[in-house]
Amino acid sequence: MVMVMANIYVMCGRYEEAIERLDYLLSIESGLTTNDFKLNEEFKPLWDLPAYQEMIRKHATSNLP
């Protein structure tokens, strides 16, 4: 459900809320990794945002498969 909300926030242009949801998913044992978000075209509007890039850096090493 959290992933669905993140997608909805992106579609609505509410990027900050989307990043918060994605950050939460990466902080728990959800089975998702940063690569899941870096390669997902649905999140493309976030890719260049500093907050998104910081979230990816923060979780890149903690969620290695």
Protein backbone atom coordinates (compact mmCIF):
# COMPACT_ATOMS: atom_id res chain seq x y z
CA MET A 1 0.00 0.00 0.00
CA VAL A 2 2.89 2.37 0.74
CA MET A 3 4.28 1.81 -2.78
CA VAL A 4 0.87 2.57 -4.27
CA MET A 5 0.70 5.80 -2.28
CA ALA A 6 4.18 6.77 -3.50
CA ASN A 7 3.05 6.22 -7.11
CA ILE A 8 -0.07 8.31 -6.55
CA TYR A 9 1.95 11.12 -5.01
CA VAL A 10 4.28 11.14 -8.03
CA MET A 11 1.32 11.28 -10.43
CA CYS A 12 -0.11 14.22 -8.46
CA GLY A 13 3.22 16.07 -8.43
CA ARG A 14 3.58 15.67 -4.67
CA TYR A 15 7.18 14.57 -4.89
CA GLU A 16 8.18 15.27 -1.31
CA GLU A 17 5.48 12.92 0.00
CA ALA A 18 6.46 10.29 -2.58
CA ILE A 19 10.08 10.41 -1.46
CA GLU A 20 9.01 10.08 2.18
CA ARG A 21 7.09 6.89 1.34
CA LEU A 22 9.97 5.44 -0.65
CA ASP A 23 12.40 6.29 2.13
CA TYR A 24 10.15 4.45 4.56
CA LEU A 25 10.04 1.37 2.30
CA LEU A 26 13.82 1.31 2.14
CA SER A 27 14.13 1.67 5.90
CA ILE A 28 12.08 -1.46 6.68
CA GLU A 29 12.44 -5.05 5.53
CA SER A 30 10.23 -4.65 2.48
CA GLY A 31 12.38 -6.64 0.06
CA LEU A 32 12.90 -3.51 -2.05
CA THR A 33 16.27 -2.02 -2.89
CA THR A 34 17.40 1.31 -4.26
CA ASN A 35 17.68 -0.32 -7.70
CA ASP A 36 13.95 -0.98 -7.65
CA PHE A 37 13.38 2.78 -7.57
CA LYS A 38 16.30 3.85 -9.76
CA LEU A 39 15.07 1.67 -12.62
CA ASN A 40 11.32 2.19 -12.22
CA GLU A 41 10.09 4.63 -14.88
CA GLU A 42 7.14 5.60 -12.67
CA PHE A 43 9.59 7.42 -10.42
CA LYS A 44 11.41 9.20 -13.25
CA PRO A 45 10.07 12.64 -12.20
CA LEU A 46 11.97 12.18 -8.93
CA TRP A 47 15.30 11.10 -10.34
CA ASP A 48 16.89 14.55 -10.57
CA LEU A 49 15.59 15.87 -7.27
CA PRO A 50 18.25 16.36 -4.58
CA ALA A 51 16.03 14.77 -1.91
CA TYR A 52 15.56 11.65 -4.05
CA GLN A 53 19.27 11.39 -4.80
CA GLU A 54 20.07 11.77 -1.11
CA MET A 55 17.59 9.02 -0.23
CA ILE A 56 19.22 6.70 -2.78
CA ARG A 57 22.71 7.46 -1.39
CA LYS A 58 21.50 6.94 2.17
CA HIS A 59 20.08 3.51 1.46
CA ALA A 60 22.42 2.31 -1.31
CA THR A 61 24.74 0.42 1.01
CA SER A 62 22.17 -0.61 3.57
CA ASN A 63 19.99 -2.49 1.06
CA LEU A 64 22.48 -4.42 -0.99
CA PRO A 65 21.02 -7.74 -2.16
